[in-house]
Amino acid sequence: MHACFPPLAYCMYYLISRILYKDNIRNPEALNISGSGLLVLCMLMVAFTMFFVFALFRMYQSNRETEKKWLAALFMCSYPFWLAIERGNMSLLVLILLMYAMILKDSDKKWERETALLLFAAAAALKLYPAVFGRLYLIRKRYKEAGRLIIYGLLFFFLPFIFFDGWSGFKILLHNITAVGSGTTGVTIVGIFGRIAVVLGMSLKEGHEIGRFISYLYFNAVLLYCFYKKESWKSITLLTSLMIVFVAASGTYCLIYCVIPFVCFMNELIAKKEFKRMDYVYATIFVLIFAAYPIQRLGSSGILYIALYLLIAILLVEQAIQVVKSFYWAINKR
């Protein structure tokens, strides 16, 4: 059931596997201690590090090269990145695709904007939930590009099924996604409500059902938030959070996606050239998302998620206050 990635991911895995010796393919259990297996691991990690640094240097708009180098080094040494490397998850590649897409989507050059669409579509075809970034085109009323993005996404998703038994392979994927999606991790919205339910004397299943309901409420709240905030680091933060806490079986390694809103936050600070008190609060919380502090009761990743949920809560409360104020001013004007 863990073969739950779309077929494009397995096409890439197949190409990588061609590097291996036949003996390793016949004996996958010994792959992690084989020479060719370790070689592939080293090659992939070097490639990921290189392209991640390239993407970070382009995305982060600071003019200080030393600052960019230190930022790249600190990201690579953070717990979410270590965990993503240890798991060898496709999220590493998806992060790079999304970063380059964010860099190119507002380019003055038409071919670069089109490349951004292809990158967003490829990321969604690898992991599905990066499709939420398509909301950015709807926010900016770039409907034609949004339409092409949907077409590219469908092509990247469905065409590789040619190599995986076509319609039968598609049904198998749906079955596997359902099987994996029925599980939860304790740090997602569904997982947290499951834990709370057990503490309150309810069944774990009841807690998960409540959590799924809350997850969909949160999903719609994020889409509504993006309507008000348009495209800002805050809306990008909440869109990114959907890839981390909305998906019930999401792992801690998904926290690497927070690189995108963090860099957007830093870029907006550079653009406005002034800092408010809350900016220091936001910066501190972003740092805590990547810094694992060894508090045993919270688990290996508990403190990271506390920081992320705190950031989400602050953004939602801020927006709620602004909405209430706007209604109050509208009523008073009447």
C-alpha atoms as a PDB file:
ATOM      1  CA  MET A   1       0.000   0.000   0.000  1.00  0.00           C
ATOM      2  CA  HIS A   2       2.987   2.319   0.445  1.00  0.00           C
ATOM      3  CA  ALA A   3       3.355   2.540  -3.346  1.00  0.00           C
ATOM      4  CA  CYS A   4       1.162   5.637  -3.167  1.00  0.00           C
ATOM      5  CA  PHE A   5       3.096   8.118  -5.304  1.00  0.00           C
ATOM      6  CA  PRO A   6       1.749   9.017  -8.754  1.00  0.00           C
ATOM      7  CA  PRO A   7       3.425   7.134 -11.623  1.00  0.00           C
ATOM      8  CA  LEU A   8       5.693  10.029 -12.616  1.00  0.00           C
ATOM      9  CA  ALA A   9       7.649   9.430  -9.395  1.00  0.00           C
ATOM     10  CA  TYR A  10       8.151   5.759 -10.218  1.00  0.00           C
ATOM     11  CA  CYS A  11       9.299   6.636 -13.722  1.00  0.00           C
ATOM     12  CA  MET A  12      12.052   8.690 -12.089  1.00  0.00           C
ATOM     13  CA  TYR A  13      12.846   5.896  -9.642  1.00  0.00           C
ATOM     14  CA  TYR A  14      13.139   3.516 -12.587  1.00  0.00           C
ATOM     15  CA  LEU A  15      15.656   5.754 -14.357  1.00  0.00           C
ATOM     16  CA  ILE A  16      17.717   6.021 -11.163  1.00  0.00           C
ATOM     17  CA  SER A  17      17.578   2.265 -10.662  1.00  0.00           C
ATOM     18  CA  ARG A  18      19.281   1.743 -14.012  1.00  0.00           C
ATOM     19  CA  ILE A  19      22.517   2.842 -12.327  1.00  0.00           C
ATOM     20  CA  LEU A  20      22.402  -0.147  -9.975  1.00  0.00           C
ATOM     21  CA  TYR A  21      23.956  -3.534 -10.555  1.00  0.00           C
ATOM     22  CA  LYS A  22      21.539  -6.325 -11.448  1.00  0.00           C
ATOM     23  CA  ASP A  23      22.492  -8.190  -8.277  1.00  0.00           C
ATOM     24  CA  ASN A  24      21.271  -5.235  -6.207  1.00  0.00           C
ATOM     25  CA  ILE A  25      17.949  -5.091  -8.039  1.00  0.00           C
ATOM     26  CA  ARG A  26      17.383  -8.780  -7.354  1.00  0.00           C
ATOM     27  CA  ASN A  27      18.257  -8.311  -3.685  1.00  0.00           C
ATOM     28  CA  PRO A  28      16.848  -4.909  -2.612  1.00  0.00           C
ATOM     29  CA  GLU A  29      17.225  -5.705   1.115  1.00  0.00           C
ATOM     30  CA  ALA A  30      21.019  -5.527   0.730  1.00  0.00           C
ATOM     31  CA  LEU A  31      20.921  -2.333  -1.311  1.00  0.00           C
ATOM     32  CA  ASN A  32      21.580  -0.004   1.618  1.00  0.00           C
ATOM     33  CA  ILE A  33      24.960  -1.604   2.327  1.00  0.00           C
ATOM     34  CA  SER A  34      26.004  -2.180  -1.282  1.00  0.00           C
ATOM     35  CA  GLY A  35      28.574  -0.117  -3.140  1.00  0.00           C
ATOM     36  CA  SER A  36      26.226   0.883  -5.947  1.00  0.00           C
ATOM     37  CA  GLY A  37      23.432   1.690  -3.494  1.00  0.00           C
ATOM     38  CA  LEU A  38      25.642   4.035  -1.491  1.00  0.00           C
ATOM     39  CA  LEU A  39      26.902   5.568  -4.727  1.00  0.00           C
ATOM     40  CA  VAL A  40      23.374   6.383  -5.846  1.00  0.00           C
ATOM     41  CA  LEU A  41      22.605   7.873  -2.426  1.00  0.00           C
ATOM     42  CA  CYS A  42      25.705  10.089  -2.563  1.00  0.00           C
ATOM     43  CA  MET A  43      24.951  11.207  -6.110  1.00  0.00           C
ATOM     44  CA  LEU A  44      21.359  12.106  -5.280  1.00  0.00           C
ATOM     45  CA  MET A  45      22.305  13.992  -2.109  1.00  0.00           C
ATOM     46  CA  VAL A  46      24.988  15.985  -3.909  1.00  0.00           C
ATOM     47  CA  ALA A  47      22.565  16.796  -6.731  1.00  0.00           C
ATOM     48  CA  PHE A  48      19.832  17.816  -4.277  1.00  0.00           C
ATOM     49  CA  THR A  49      22.186  20.002  -2.250  1.00  0.00           C
ATOM     50  CA  MET A  50      23.539  21.692  -5.373  1.00  0.00           C
ATOM     51  CA  PHE A  51      20.156  22.478  -6.899  1.00  0.00           C
ATOM     52  CA  PHE A  52      18.687  23.516  -3.545  1.00  0.00           C
ATOM     53  CA  VAL A  53      21.517  26.015  -3.008  1.00  0.00           C
ATOM     54  CA  PHE A  54      21.110  27.321  -6.567  1.00  0.00           C
ATOM     55  CA  ALA A  55      17.375  27.770  -6.001  1.00  0.00           C
ATOM     56  CA  LEU A  56      17.851  29.445  -2.620  1.00  0.00           C
ATOM     57  CA  PHE A  57      20.416  31.882  -4.010  1.00  0.00           C
ATOM     58  CA  ARG A  58      18.017  32.888  -6.791  1.00  0.00           C
ATOM     59  CA  MET A  59      14.904  33.028  -4.637  1.00  0.00           C
ATOM     60  CA  TYR A  60      16.385  34.984  -1.718  1.00  0.00           C
ATOM     61  CA  GLN A  61      16.727  38.599  -2.850  1.00  0.00           C
ATOM     62  CA  SER A  62      19.440  39.681  -0.448  1.00  0.00           C
ATOM     63  CA  ASN A  63      22.531  41.241  -2.028  1.00  0.00           C
ATOM     64  CA  ARG A  64      24.838  39.730   0.604  1.00  0.00           C
ATOM     65  CA  GLU A  65      26.357  36.501  -0.678  1.00  0.00           C
ATOM     66  CA  THR A  66      27.723  35.526   2.742  1.00  0.00           C
ATOM     67  CA  GLU A  67      24.239  35.742   4.233  1.00  0.00           C
ATOM     68  CA  LYS A  68      22.896  33.427   1.512  1.00  0.00           C
ATOM     69  CA  LYS A  69      25.663  30.905   2.115  1.00  0.00           C
ATOM     70  CA  TRP A  70      25.036  30.798   5.854  1.00  0.00           C
ATOM     71  CA  LEU A  71      21.284  30.501   5.305  1.00  0.00           C
ATOM     72  CA  ALA A  72      21.788  27.569   2.926  1.00  0.00           C
ATOM     73  CA  ALA A  73      24.125  25.861   5.399  1.00  0.00           C
ATOM     74  CA  LEU A  74      21.717  26.315   8.312  1.00  0.00           C
ATOM     75  CA  PHE A  75      18.806  24.931   6.312  1.00  0.00           C
ATOM     76  CA  MET A  76      20.804  21.875   5.288  1.00  0.00           C
ATOM     77  CA  CYS A  77      21.815  21.262   8.923  1.00  0.00           C
ATOM     78  CA  SER A  78      18.266  21.549  10.265  1.00  0.00           C
ATOM     79  CA  TYR A  79      16.335  18.574  11.603  1.00  0.00           C
ATOM     80  CA  PRO A  80      13.601  18.558   8.902  1.00  0.00           C
ATOM     81  CA  PHE A  81      16.262  18.386   6.178  1.00  0.00           C
ATOM     82  CA  TRP A  82      18.180  15.633   7.965  1.00  0.00           C
ATOM     83  CA  LEU A  83      14.976  13.638   8.317  1.00  0.00           C
ATOM     84  CA  ALA A  84      14.046  14.166   4.660  1.00  0.00           C
ATOM     85  CA  ILE A  85      17.478  12.911   3.621  1.00  0.00           C
ATOM     86  CA  GLU A  86      17.255   9.937   5.982  1.00  0.00           C
ATOM     87  CA  ARG A  87      13.858   8.980   4.524  1.00  0.00           C
ATOM     88  CA  GLY A  88      14.925   9.618   0.936  1.00  0.00           C
ATOM     89  CA  ASN A  89      11.472  11.033   0.297  1.00  0.00           C
ATOM     90  CA  MET A  90      10.348  12.641  -2.968  1.00  0.00           C
ATOM     91  CA  SER A  91       9.642  15.844  -1.002  1.00  0.00           C
ATOM     92  CA  LEU A  92      13.274  16.874  -1.531  1.00  0.00           C
ATOM     93  CA  LEU A  93      12.764  17.096  -5.291  1.00  0.00           C
ATOM     94  CA  VAL A  94       9.305  18.632  -4.905  1.00  0.00           C
ATOM     95  CA  LEU A  95      10.762  21.437  -2.769  1.00  0.00           C
ATOM     96  CA  ILE A  96      13.292  22.323  -5.464  1.00  0.00           C
ATOM     97  CA  LEU A  97      10.648  22.295  -8.212  1.00  0.00           C
ATOM     98  CA  LEU A  98       8.379  24.569  -6.163  1.00  0.00           C
ATOM     99  CA  MET A  99      11.230  26.976  -5.373  1.00  0.00           C
ATOM    100  CA  TYR A 100      12.180  27.356  -9.027  1.00  0.00           C
ATOM    101  CA  ALA A 101       8.509  27.712  -9.957  1.00  0.00           C
ATOM    102  CA  MET A 102       8.112  30.526  -7.412  1.00  0.00           C
ATOM    103  CA  ILE A 103      11.200  32.215  -8.862  1.00  0.00           C
ATOM    104  CA  LEU A 104       9.981  32.094 -12.469  1.00  0.00           C
ATOM    105  CA  LYS A 105       6.212  32.555 -12.197  1.00  0.00           C
ATOM    106  CA  ASP A 106       6.334  36.391 -12.264  1.00  0.00           C
ATOM    107  CA  SER A 107       9.176  36.704 -14.770  1.00  0.00           C
ATOM    108  CA  ASP A 108       9.021  39.250 -17.596  1.00  0.00           C
ATOM    109  CA  LYS A 109       9.971  36.472 -20.017  1.00  0.00           C
ATOM    110  CA  LYS A 110       7.118  34.396 -21.358  1.00  0.00           C
ATOM    111  CA  TRP A 111       9.135  31.158 -21.577  1.00  0.00           C
ATOM    112  CA  GLU A 112      10.131  31.444 -17.920  1.00  0.00           C
ATOM    113  CA  ARG A 113       6.518  31.926 -16.835  1.00  0.00           C
ATOM    114  CA  GLU A 114       5.583  28.871 -18.899  1.00  0.00           C
ATOM    115  CA  THR A 115       8.430  26.924 -17.315  1.00  0.00           C
ATOM    116  CA  ALA A 116       7.021  27.837 -13.901  1.00  0.00           C
ATOM    117  CA  LEU A 117       3.706  26.262 -14.915  1.00  0.00           C
ATOM    118  CA  LEU A 118       5.493  23.079 -15.951  1.00  0.00           C
ATOM    119  CA  LEU A 119       7.407  22.981 -12.665  1.00  0.00           C
ATOM    120  CA  PHE A 120       4.257  23.465 -10.574  1.00  0.00           C
ATOM    121  CA  ALA A 121       2.542  20.743 -12.610  1.00  0.00           C
ATOM    122  CA  ALA A 122       5.486  18.357 -12.201  1.00  0.00           C
ATOM    123  CA  ALA A 123       5.572  18.956  -8.429  1.00  0.00           C
ATOM    124  CA  ALA A 124       1.845  18.234  -8.200  1.00  0.00           C
ATOM    125  CA  ALA A 125       2.267  15.116 -10.337  1.00  0.00           C
ATOM    126  CA  LEU A 126       4.905  13.832  -7.929  1.00  0.00           C
ATOM    127  CA  LYS A 127       3.135  14.533  -4.636  1.00  0.00           C
ATOM    128  CA  LEU A 128      -0.411  15.707  -5.538  1.00  0.00           C
ATOM    129  CA  TYR A 129      -0.851  18.262  -2.739  1.00  0.00           C
ATOM    130  CA  PRO A 130       1.497  20.918  -4.259  1.00  0.00           C
ATOM    131  CA  ALA A 131      -1.496  21.537  -6.536  1.00  0.00           C
ATOM    132  CA  VAL A 132      -2.640  24.054  -3.888  1.00  0.00           C
ATOM    133  CA  PHE A 133      -0.076  26.500  -5.297  1.00  0.00           C
ATOM    134  CA  GLY A 134      -2.335  26.852  -8.329  1.00  0.00           C
ATOM    135  CA  ARG A 135      -4.382  29.107  -6.063  1.00  0.00           C
ATOM    136  CA  LEU A 136      -1.690  31.781  -6.549  1.00  0.00           C
ATOM    137  CA  TYR A 137      -2.687  32.140 -10.206  1.00  0.00           C
ATOM    138  CA  LEU A 138      -6.360  32.436  -9.321  1.00  0.00           C
ATOM    139  CA  ILE A 139      -5.581  35.077  -6.703  1.00  0.00           C
ATOM    140  CA  ARG A 140      -3.817  37.176  -9.345  1.00  0.00           C
ATOM    141  CA  LYS A 141      -6.642  36.524 -11.849  1.00  0.00           C
ATOM    142  CA  ARG A 142      -4.232  34.847 -14.264  1.00  0.00           C
ATOM    143  CA  TYR A 143      -6.958  32.511 -15.449  1.00  0.00           C
ATOM    144  CA  LYS A 144      -5.385  31.499 -18.767  1.00  0.00           C
ATOM    145  CA  GLU A 145      -2.210  30.394 -17.005  1.00  0.00           C
ATOM    146  CA  ALA A 146      -4.291  28.597 -14.384  1.00  0.00           C
ATOM    147  CA  GLY A 147      -6.067  26.729 -17.173  1.00  0.00           C
ATOM    148  CA  ARG A 148      -2.778  25.677 -18.769  1.00  0.00           C
ATOM    149  CA  LEU A 149      -1.490  24.651 -15.358  1.00  0.00           C
ATOM    150  CA  ILE A 150      -4.449  22.279 -14.975  1.00  0.00           C
ATOM    151  CA  ILE A 151      -3.779  20.816 -18.431  1.00  0.00           C
ATOM    152  CA  TYR A 152      -0.071  20.324 -17.700  1.00  0.00           C
ATOM    153  CA  GLY A 153      -0.901  18.762 -14.356  1.00  0.00           C
ATOM    154  CA  LEU A 154      -3.325  16.286 -15.879  1.00  0.00           C
ATOM    155  CA  LEU A 155      -0.804  15.322 -18.569  1.00  0.00           C
ATOM    156  CA  PHE A 156       2.024  14.814 -16.066  1.00  0.00           C
ATOM    157  CA  PHE A 157      -0.275  12.793 -13.846  1.00  0.00           C
ATOM    158  CA  PHE A 158      -2.079  10.554 -16.342  1.00  0.00           C
ATOM    159  CA  LEU A 159       0.400   9.984 -19.198  1.00  0.00           C
ATOM    160  CA  PRO A 160       2.882   7.921 -17.105  1.00  0.00           C
ATOM    161  CA  PHE A 161       0.104   5.399 -16.437  1.00  0.00           C
ATOM    162  CA  ILE A 162       0.994   4.084 -19.906  1.00  0.00           C
ATOM    163  CA  PHE A 163       3.888   2.305 -18.169  1.00  0.00           C
ATOM    164  CA  PHE A 164       1.780   1.140 -15.200  1.00  0.00           C
ATOM    165  CA  ASP A 165      -1.111  -0.908 -16.593  1.00  0.00           C
ATOM    166  CA  GLY A 166      -3.238   2.070 -17.596  1.00  0.00           C
ATOM    167  CA  TRP A 167      -6.688   2.092 -15.984  1.00  0.00           C
ATOM    168  CA  SER A 168      -5.845  -0.871 -13.742  1.00  0.00           C
ATOM    169  CA  GLY A 169      -2.769   0.965 -12.455  1.00  0.00           C
ATOM    170  CA  PHE A 170      -4.883   4.040 -11.761  1.00  0.00           C
ATOM    171  CA  LYS A 171      -7.325   1.991  -9.659  1.00  0.00           C
ATOM    172  CA  ILE A 172      -4.413   0.457  -7.753  1.00  0.00           C
ATOM    173  CA  LEU A 173      -3.052   3.957  -7.028  1.00  0.00           C
ATOM    174  CA  LEU A 174      -6.443   5.088  -5.707  1.00  0.00           C
ATOM    175  CA  HIS A 175      -6.592   2.024  -3.469  1.00  0.00           C
ATOM    176  CA  ASN A 176      -3.076   2.649  -2.148  1.00  0.00           C
ATOM    177  CA  ILE A 177      -3.695   6.345  -1.521  1.00  0.00           C
ATOM    178  CA  THR A 178      -6.837   5.444   0.433  1.00  0.00           C
ATOM    179  CA  ALA A 179      -4.915   2.837   2.439  1.00  0.00           C
ATOM    180  CA  VAL A 180      -2.085   5.207   3.327  1.00  0.00           C
ATOM    181  CA  GLY A 181      -4.475   8.128   3.870  1.00  0.00           C
ATOM    182  CA  SER A 182      -6.380   6.078   6.434  1.00  0.00           C
ATOM    183  CA  GLY A 183      -3.276   6.255   8.634  1.00  0.00           C
ATOM    184  CA  THR A 184      -2.224   9.312  10.557  1.00  0.00           C
ATOM    185  CA  THR A 185       0.807  10.868  12.145  1.00  0.00           C
ATOM    186  CA  GLY A 186       0.453  12.453  15.552  1.00  0.00           C
ATOM    187  CA  VAL A 187       1.473  15.941  14.410  1.00  0.00           C
ATOM    188  CA  THR A 188      -1.126  16.540  11.694  1.00  0.00           C
ATOM    189  CA  ILE A 189      -4.555  17.993  12.442  1.00  0.00           C
ATOM    190  CA  VAL A 190      -6.187  14.570  12.273  1.00  0.00           C
ATOM    191  CA  GLY A 191      -3.478  13.001  14.437  1.00  0.00           C
ATOM    192  CA  ILE A 192      -3.658  15.682  17.099  1.00  0.00           C
ATOM    193  CA  PHE A 193      -7.431  15.371  17.426  1.00  0.00           C
ATOM    194  CA  GLY A 194      -6.998  11.617  17.698  1.00  0.00           C
ATOM    195  CA  ARG A 195      -4.657  12.102  20.645  1.00  0.00           C
ATOM    196  CA  ILE A 196      -6.999  14.606  22.282  1.00  0.00           C
ATOM    197  CA  ALA A 197      -9.928  12.194  21.878  1.00  0.00           C
ATOM    198  CA  VAL A 198      -8.045   9.401  23.627  1.00  0.00           C
ATOM    199  CA  VAL A 199      -7.178  11.705  26.541  1.00  0.00           C
ATOM    200  CA  LEU A 200     -10.848  12.693  26.827  1.00  0.00           C
ATOM    201  CA  GLY A 201     -11.937   9.048  26.927  1.00  0.00           C
ATOM    202  CA  MET A 202     -13.207   8.892  23.359  1.00  0.00           C
ATOM    203  CA  SER A 203     -12.105   6.352  20.774  1.00  0.00           C
ATOM    204  CA  LEU A 204      -9.197   7.063  18.455  1.00  0.00           C
ATOM    205  CA  LYS A 205     -11.470   6.629  15.444  1.00  0.00           C
ATOM    206  CA  GLU A 206     -13.889   9.279  16.710  1.00  0.00           C
ATOM    207  CA  GLY A 207     -11.004  11.670  17.236  1.00  0.00           C
ATOM    208  CA  HIS A 208      -9.743  11.080  13.715  1.00  0.00           C
ATOM    209  CA  GLU A 209     -13.198  11.698  12.259  1.00  0.00           C
ATOM    210  CA  ILE A 210     -13.456  15.004  14.129  1.00  0.00           C
ATOM    211  CA  GLY A 211      -9.927  15.848  13.006  1.00  0.00           C
ATOM    212  CA  ARG A 212     -10.784  15.227   9.356  1.00  0.00           C
ATOM    213  CA  PHE A 213     -13.796  17.524   9.660  1.00  0.00           C
ATOM    214  CA  ILE A 214     -11.598  20.222  11.223  1.00  0.00           C
ATOM    215  CA  SER A 215      -8.990  19.647   8.489  1.00  0.00           C
ATOM    216  CA  TYR A 216     -11.503  20.439   5.752  1.00  0.00           C
ATOM    217  CA  LEU A 217     -12.683  23.508   7.655  1.00  0.00           C
ATOM    218  CA  TYR A 218      -9.067  24.637   7.861  1.00  0.00           C
ATOM    219  CA  PHE A 219      -8.563  23.941   4.148  1.00  0.00           C
ATOM    220  CA  ASN A 220     -11.485  26.214   3.244  1.00  0.00           C
ATOM    221  CA  ALA A 221     -10.349  28.844   5.757  1.00  0.00           C
ATOM    222  CA  VAL A 222      -6.950  28.970   4.037  1.00  0.00           C
ATOM    223  CA  LEU A 223      -8.532  29.430   0.615  1.00  0.00           C
ATOM    224  CA  LEU A 224     -10.688  32.234   2.014  1.00  0.00           C
ATOM    225  CA  TYR A 225      -7.653  33.794   3.723  1.00  0.00           C
ATOM    226  CA  CYS A 226      -5.780  33.848   0.400  1.00  0.00           C
ATOM    227  CA  PHE A 227      -8.725  35.718  -1.146  1.00  0.00           C
ATOM    228  CA  TYR A 228      -8.233  38.544   1.361  1.00  0.00           C
ATOM    229  CA  LYS A 229      -4.438  38.539   1.592  1.00  0.00           C
ATOM    230  CA  LYS A 230      -3.807  37.963  -2.126  1.00  0.00           C
ATOM    231  CA  GLU A 231      -0.233  36.852  -2.671  1.00  0.00           C
ATOM    232  CA  SER A 232       1.906  37.595   0.371  1.00  0.00           C
ATOM    233  CA  TRP A 233       4.229  35.569   2.554  1.00  0.00           C
ATOM    234  CA  LYS A 234       1.301  35.044   4.912  1.00  0.00           C
ATOM    235  CA  SER A 235      -0.958  33.482   2.290  1.00  0.00           C
ATOM    236  CA  ILE A 236       1.961  31.401   0.984  1.00  0.00           C
ATOM    237  CA  THR A 237       2.633  30.227   4.541  1.00  0.00           C
ATOM    238  CA  LEU A 238      -0.914  28.947   4.950  1.00  0.00           C
ATOM    239  CA  LEU A 239      -0.939  27.340   1.495  1.00  0.00           C
ATOM    240  CA  THR A 240       2.306  25.580   2.396  1.00  0.00           C
ATOM    241  CA  SER A 241       0.850  24.451   5.718  1.00  0.00           C
ATOM    242  CA  LEU A 242      -1.784  22.476   3.811  1.00  0.00           C
ATOM    243  CA  MET A 243       1.039  20.243   2.538  1.00  0.00           C
ATOM    244  CA  ILE A 244       2.218  19.673   6.111  1.00  0.00           C
ATOM    245  CA  VAL A 245      -0.706  19.468   8.546  1.00  0.00           C
ATOM    246  CA  PHE A 246      -3.756  18.921   6.314  1.00  0.00           C
ATOM    247  CA  VAL A 247      -2.572  15.596   4.875  1.00  0.00           C
ATOM    248  CA  ALA A 248      -3.284  13.093   7.654  1.00  0.00           C
ATOM    249  CA  ALA A 249      -0.248  10.875   7.039  1.00  0.00           C
ATOM    250  CA  SER A 250       2.220  13.721   6.466  1.00  0.00           C
ATOM    251  CA  GLY A 251       5.683  13.237   7.973  1.00  0.00           C
ATOM    252  CA  THR A 252       7.954  15.682   9.787  1.00  0.00           C
ATOM    253  CA  TYR A 253      10.219  15.884   6.733  1.00  0.00           C
ATOM    254  CA  CYS A 254       7.435  17.894   5.039  1.00  0.00           C
ATOM    255  CA  LEU A 255       8.487  20.838   7.211  1.00  0.00           C
ATOM    256  CA  ILE A 256      11.210  21.498   4.620  1.00  0.00           C
ATOM    257  CA  TYR A 257       8.478  23.154   2.538  1.00  0.00           C
ATOM    258  CA  CYS A 258       8.507  26.014   5.074  1.00  0.00           C
ATOM    259  CA  VAL A 259      11.641  27.240   3.306  1.00  0.00           C
ATOM    260  CA  ILE A 260       9.376  28.797   0.673  1.00  0.00           C
ATOM    261  CA  PRO A 261       7.256  31.053   2.955  1.00  0.00           C
ATOM    262  CA  PHE A 262      10.303  31.874   5.095  1.00  0.00           C
ATOM    263  CA  VAL A 263      12.241  33.170   2.074  1.00  0.00           C
ATOM    264  CA  CYS A 264       9.135  35.057   0.881  1.00  0.00           C
ATOM    265  CA  PHE A 265       8.902  36.624   4.346  1.00  0.00           C
ATOM    266  CA  MET A 266      12.545  37.707   4.206  1.00  0.00           C
ATOM    267  CA  ASN A 267      12.099  39.105   0.689  1.00  0.00           C
ATOM    268  CA  GLU A 268       9.136  41.227   1.797  1.00  0.00           C
ATOM    269  CA  LEU A 269      11.205  42.611   4.686  1.00  0.00           C
ATOM    270  CA  ILE A 270      13.961  43.526   2.238  1.00  0.00           C
ATOM    271  CA  ALA A 271      11.448  45.223  -0.067  1.00  0.00           C
ATOM    272  CA  LYS A 272       9.777  47.378   2.596  1.00  0.00           C
ATOM    273  CA  LYS A 273      13.079  48.152   4.413  1.00  0.00           C
ATOM    274  CA  GLU A 274      11.423  48.508   7.797  1.00  0.00           C
ATOM    275  CA  PHE A 275      10.704  46.142  10.655  1.00  0.00           C
ATOM    276  CA  LYS A 276       7.751  46.004  12.994  1.00  0.00           C
ATOM    277  CA  ARG A 277       7.660  44.236  16.352  1.00  0.00           C
ATOM    278  CA  MET A 278       5.643  41.368  14.899  1.00  0.00           C
ATOM    279  CA  ASP A 279       8.300  40.817  12.239  1.00  0.00           C
ATOM    280  CA  TYR A 280      10.707  39.738  14.977  1.00  0.00           C
ATOM    281  CA  VAL A 281       8.057  37.382  16.338  1.00  0.00           C
ATOM    282  CA  TYR A 282       7.509  35.861  12.900  1.00  0.00           C
ATOM    283  CA  ALA A 283      11.251  35.482  12.332  1.00  0.00           C
ATOM    284  CA  THR A 284      11.703  33.730  15.679  1.00  0.00           C
ATOM    285  CA  ILE A 285       8.869  31.304  14.983  1.00  0.00           C
ATOM    286  CA  PHE A 286      10.247  30.472  11.543  1.00  0.00           C
ATOM    287  CA  VAL A 287      13.611  29.673  13.116  1.00  0.00           C
ATOM    288  CA  LEU A 288      11.951  27.390  15.681  1.00  0.00           C
ATOM    289  CA  ILE A 289      10.262  25.425  12.883  1.00  0.00           C
ATOM    290  CA  PHE A 290      13.709  24.315  11.711  1.00  0.00           C
ATOM    291  CA  ALA A 291      15.424  23.981  15.092  1.00  0.00           C
ATOM    292  CA  ALA A 292      14.796  20.673  16.866  1.00  0.00           C
ATOM    293  CA  TYR A 293      15.103  21.072  20.622  1.00  0.00           C
ATOM    294  CA  PRO A 294      15.468  17.783  22.536  1.00  0.00           C
ATOM    295  CA  ILE A 295      12.425  17.866  24.811  1.00  0.00           C
ATOM    296  CA  GLN A 296      11.650  14.183  25.282  1.00  0.00           C
ATOM    297  CA  ARG A 297       7.979  14.579  26.187  1.00  0.00           C
ATOM    298  CA  LEU A 298       7.313  16.464  22.968  1.00  0.00           C
ATOM    299  CA  GLY A 299       8.982  13.837  20.817  1.00  0.00           C
ATOM    300  CA  SER A 300      11.617  14.416  18.181  1.00  0.00           C
ATOM    301  CA  SER A 301       9.463  16.840  16.198  1.00  0.00           C
ATOM    302  CA  GLY A 302       6.903  18.148  18.695  1.00  0.00           C
ATOM    303  CA  ILE A 303       8.557  21.525  19.308  1.00  0.00           C
ATOM    304  CA  LEU A 304       8.812  22.162  15.552  1.00  0.00           C
ATOM    305  CA  TYR A 305       5.099  21.635  15.067  1.00  0.00           C
ATOM    306  CA  ILE A 306       4.258  23.749  18.103  1.00  0.00           C
ATOM    307  CA  ALA A 307       6.066  26.618  16.360  1.00  0.00           C
ATOM    308  CA  LEU A 308       4.238  25.967  13.081  1.00  0.00           C
ATOM    309  CA  TYR A 309       0.794  25.789  14.708  1.00  0.00           C
ATOM    310  CA  LEU A 310       1.600  28.946  16.678  1.00  0.00           C
ATOM    311  CA  LEU A 311       2.433  30.767  13.440  1.00  0.00           C
ATOM    312  CA  ILE A 312      -0.782  29.513  11.813  1.00  0.00           C
ATOM    313  CA  ALA A 313      -2.834  30.625  14.832  1.00  0.00           C
ATOM    314  CA  ILE A 314      -1.305  34.117  14.831  1.00  0.00           C
ATOM    315  CA  LEU A 315      -1.992  34.595  11.118  1.00  0.00           C
ATOM    316  CA  LEU A 316      -5.607  33.424  11.417  1.00  0.00           C
ATOM    317  CA  VAL A 317      -6.295  35.513  14.522  1.00  0.00           C
ATOM    318  CA  GLU A 318      -4.793  38.587  12.857  1.00  0.00           C
ATOM    319  CA  GLN A 319      -7.021  38.127   9.842  1.00  0.00           C
ATOM    320  CA  ALA A 320     -10.100  37.523  11.994  1.00  0.00           C
ATOM    321  CA  ILE A 321      -9.451  40.783  13.873  1.00  0.00           C
ATOM    322  CA  GLN A 322      -9.061  42.673  10.587  1.00  0.00           C
ATOM    323  CA  VAL A 323     -12.325  41.235   9.235  1.00  0.00           C
ATOM    324  CA  VAL A 324     -14.189  42.215  12.412  1.00  0.00           C
ATOM    325  CA  LYS A 325     -12.733  45.738  12.249  1.00  0.00           C
ATOM    326  CA  SER A 326     -13.696  46.122   8.587  1.00  0.00           C
ATOM    327  CA  PHE A 327     -17.287  45.093   9.340  1.00  0.00           C
ATOM    328  CA  TYR A 328     -17.370  47.485  12.312  1.00  0.00           C
ATOM    329  CA  TRP A 329     -16.147  50.415  10.167  1.00  0.00           C
ATOM    330  CA  ALA A 330     -18.630  49.530   7.419  1.00  0.00           C
ATOM    331  CA  ILE A 331     -21.512  49.526   9.898  1.00  0.00           C
ATOM    332  CA  ASN A 332     -20.440  52.844  11.432  1.00  0.00           C
ATOM    333  CA  LYS A 333     -20.234  54.496   8.006  1.00  0.00           C
ATOM    334  CA  ARG A 334     -23.845  53.628   7.407  1.00  0.00           C
END
